[in-house]
Amino acid sequence: MDCAAMHSPFLCAHGEHLVQENVMLTANINGKHIAYTNETVFMVQVGRYSKGKYANRYKFVGDLQKAVFYYSCINIGNGYKKRLVASGLNKPVLLRQSSY
């Protein structure tokens, strides 16, 4: 039996995994409509103070739901800030929050 004829798009009859390339996905975050692929890199970044740099805390490839979950789980105190960035998009900053 041909691997393409199987029901699961990710598993072949021989037990081999098939790789799908550039699957387009869409999402809606806070009223923003976002189109991305399964290869888009999402980074959760945390910084300190208004002029401070951001440091990468978590990195997710193609998994926006997990990136938003980790972003929402980060508690920020006085002087800290956090953001969710997707470097491959036209507007890379998806979410931002600060506490000054």
C-alpha atoms as a PDB file:
ATOM      1  CA  MET A   1       0.000   0.000   0.000  1.00  0.00           C
ATOM      2  CA  ASP A   2       1.257   3.463  -0.879  1.00  0.00           C
ATOM      3  CA  CYS A   3       2.134   5.778   2.026  1.00  0.00           C
ATOM      4  CA  ALA A   4       0.020   8.607   0.591  1.00  0.00           C
ATOM      5  CA  ALA A   5      -3.078   6.389   0.667  1.00  0.00           C
ATOM      6  CA  MET A   6      -2.928   5.931   4.444  1.00  0.00           C
ATOM      7  CA  HIS A   7      -5.395   7.776   6.668  1.00  0.00           C
ATOM      8  CA  SER A   8      -2.838   9.509   8.867  1.00  0.00           C
ATOM      9  CA  PRO A   9      -0.885  12.244   7.047  1.00  0.00           C
ATOM     10  CA  PHE A  10       2.077  11.846   9.429  1.00  0.00           C
ATOM     11  CA  LEU A  11       2.569   8.066   9.614  1.00  0.00           C
ATOM     12  CA  CYS A  12       3.329   5.715   6.733  1.00  0.00           C
ATOM     13  CA  ALA A  13       2.311   2.033   6.530  1.00  0.00           C
ATOM     14  CA  HIS A  14       5.959   1.113   7.057  1.00  0.00           C
ATOM     15  CA  GLY A  15       6.115   3.131  10.287  1.00  0.00           C
ATOM     16  CA  GLU A  16       8.033   5.978   8.659  1.00  0.00           C
ATOM     17  CA  HIS A  17       7.066   9.547   9.449  1.00  0.00           C
ATOM     18  CA  LEU A  18       6.096  11.792   6.568  1.00  0.00           C
ATOM     19  CA  VAL A  19       7.120  15.451   6.699  1.00  0.00           C
ATOM     20  CA  GLN A  20       4.695  18.138   5.612  1.00  0.00           C
ATOM     21  CA  GLU A  21       6.332  21.320   4.396  1.00  0.00           C
ATOM     22  CA  ASN A  22       4.977  24.854   4.844  1.00  0.00           C
ATOM     23  CA  VAL A  23       1.471  24.182   6.060  1.00  0.00           C
ATOM     24  CA  MET A  24      -0.331  27.536   6.341  1.00  0.00           C
ATOM     25  CA  LEU A  25      -2.169  28.117   9.617  1.00  0.00           C
ATOM     26  CA  THR A  26      -4.226  31.057  10.871  1.00  0.00           C
ATOM     27  CA  ALA A  27      -5.036  32.383  14.324  1.00  0.00           C
ATOM     28  CA  ASN A  28      -6.726  35.332  15.987  1.00  0.00           C
ATOM     29  CA  ILE A  29      -4.920  36.919  18.970  1.00  0.00           C
ATOM     30  CA  ASN A  30      -6.508  39.947  20.658  1.00  0.00           C
ATOM     31  CA  GLY A  31      -8.291  40.912  17.444  1.00  0.00           C
ATOM     32  CA  LYS A  32      -5.186  40.487  15.248  1.00  0.00           C
ATOM     33  CA  HIS A  33      -5.540  37.976  12.420  1.00  0.00           C
ATOM     34  CA  ILE A  34      -2.236  36.089  12.019  1.00  0.00           C
ATOM     35  CA  ALA A  35      -1.204  33.755   9.199  1.00  0.00           C
ATOM     36  CA  TYR A  36       1.888  31.624   9.805  1.00  0.00           C
ATOM     37  CA  THR A  37       3.459  28.324   8.754  1.00  0.00           C
ATOM     38  CA  ASN A  38       4.482  25.264  10.715  1.00  0.00           C
ATOM     39  CA  GLU A  39       8.093  26.492  10.454  1.00  0.00           C
ATOM     40  CA  THR A  40       7.494  29.949  11.986  1.00  0.00           C
ATOM     41  CA  VAL A  41       9.642  30.580  15.065  1.00  0.00           C
ATOM     42  CA  PHE A  42       7.829  32.079  18.062  1.00  0.00           C
ATOM     43  CA  MET A  43       9.918  33.466  20.931  1.00  0.00           C
ATOM     44  CA  VAL A  44       8.780  34.494  24.398  1.00  0.00           C
ATOM     45  CA  GLN A  45      11.078  37.266  25.608  1.00  0.00           C
ATOM     46  CA  VAL A  46      11.495  38.933  28.998  1.00  0.00           C
ATOM     47  CA  GLY A  47      13.221  42.246  29.716  1.00  0.00           C
ATOM     48  CA  ARG A  48      13.813  44.659  32.541  1.00  0.00           C
ATOM     49  CA  TYR A  49      13.079  48.390  32.758  1.00  0.00           C
ATOM     50  CA  SER A  50      11.967  50.643  29.915  1.00  0.00           C
ATOM     51  CA  LYS A  51      15.369  50.936  28.200  1.00  0.00           C
ATOM     52  CA  GLY A  52      16.531  47.373  28.901  1.00  0.00           C
ATOM     53  CA  LYS A  53      17.027  44.662  26.304  1.00  0.00           C
ATOM     54  CA  TYR A  54      14.812  41.613  25.904  1.00  0.00           C
ATOM     55  CA  ALA A  55      16.252  38.139  26.460  1.00  0.00           C
ATOM     56  CA  ASN A  56      14.812  35.014  24.852  1.00  0.00           C
ATOM     57  CA  ARG A  57      13.145  32.816  27.454  1.00  0.00           C
ATOM     58  CA  TYR A  58      11.365  30.187  25.333  1.00  0.00           C
ATOM     59  CA  LYS A  59      11.425  29.243  21.642  1.00  0.00           C
ATOM     60  CA  PHE A  60       8.683  27.328  19.805  1.00  0.00           C
ATOM     61  CA  VAL A  61       8.690  26.269  16.149  1.00  0.00           C
ATOM     62  CA  GLY A  62       5.245  26.305  14.511  1.00  0.00           C
ATOM     63  CA  ASP A  63       3.315  25.980  17.785  1.00  0.00           C
ATOM     64  CA  LEU A  64       1.544  29.280  18.463  1.00  0.00           C
ATOM     65  CA  GLN A  65      -0.796  27.823  21.096  1.00  0.00           C
ATOM     66  CA  LYS A  66       2.066  26.647  23.275  1.00  0.00           C
ATOM     67  CA  ALA A  67       3.886  29.969  22.826  1.00  0.00           C
ATOM     68  CA  VAL A  68       0.817  31.957  23.937  1.00  0.00           C
ATOM     69  CA  PHE A  69       0.347  29.598  26.887  1.00  0.00           C
ATOM     70  CA  TYR A  70       3.937  30.080  28.090  1.00  0.00           C
ATOM     71  CA  TYR A  71       3.666  33.841  27.508  1.00  0.00           C
ATOM     72  CA  SER A  72       0.553  34.044  29.671  1.00  0.00           C
ATOM     73  CA  CYS A  73       2.151  31.955  32.458  1.00  0.00           C
ATOM     74  CA  ILE A  74       5.036  34.389  32.991  1.00  0.00           C
ATOM     75  CA  ASN A  75       4.405  36.707  35.937  1.00  0.00           C
ATOM     76  CA  ILE A  76       6.111  40.068  35.681  1.00  0.00           C
ATOM     77  CA  GLY A  77       6.807  42.301  38.656  1.00  0.00           C
ATOM     78  CA  ASN A  78       7.828  45.928  38.989  1.00  0.00           C
ATOM     79  CA  GLY A  79      10.126  47.026  36.204  1.00  0.00           C
ATOM     80  CA  TYR A  80       9.813  43.897  34.075  1.00  0.00           C
ATOM     81  CA  LYS A  81       8.292  43.435  30.632  1.00  0.00           C
ATOM     82  CA  LYS A  82       7.472  40.508  28.351  1.00  0.00           C
ATOM     83  CA  ARG A  83       6.557  40.010  24.703  1.00  0.00           C
ATOM     84  CA  LEU A  84       5.754  37.316  22.169  1.00  0.00           C
ATOM     85  CA  VAL A  85       7.685  37.684  18.915  1.00  0.00           C
ATOM     86  CA  ALA A  86       7.479  35.861  15.573  1.00  0.00           C
ATOM     87  CA  SER A  87      10.497  36.912  13.537  1.00  0.00           C
ATOM     88  CA  GLY A  88       9.160  35.731  10.166  1.00  0.00           C
ATOM     89  CA  LEU A  89       6.011  37.885  10.154  1.00  0.00           C
ATOM     90  CA  ASN A  90       5.512  41.421   8.816  1.00  0.00           C
ATOM     91  CA  LYS A  91       4.743  42.748  12.305  1.00  0.00           C
ATOM     92  CA  PRO A  92       6.878  40.521  14.513  1.00  0.00           C
ATOM     93  CA  VAL A  93       5.610  41.610  17.958  1.00  0.00           C
ATOM     94  CA  LEU A  94       2.347  39.748  18.615  1.00  0.00           C
ATOM     95  CA  LEU A  95       1.804  40.440  22.337  1.00  0.00           C
ATOM     96  CA  ARG A  96       3.441  42.878  24.748  1.00  0.00           C
ATOM     97  CA  GLN A  97       3.004  43.669  28.423  1.00  0.00           C
ATOM     98  CA  SER A  98       4.997  45.773  30.878  1.00  0.00           C
ATOM     99  CA  SER A  99       4.830  46.824  34.514  1.00  0.00           C
ATOM    100  CA  TYR A 100       6.518  50.127  35.250  1.00  0.00           C
END
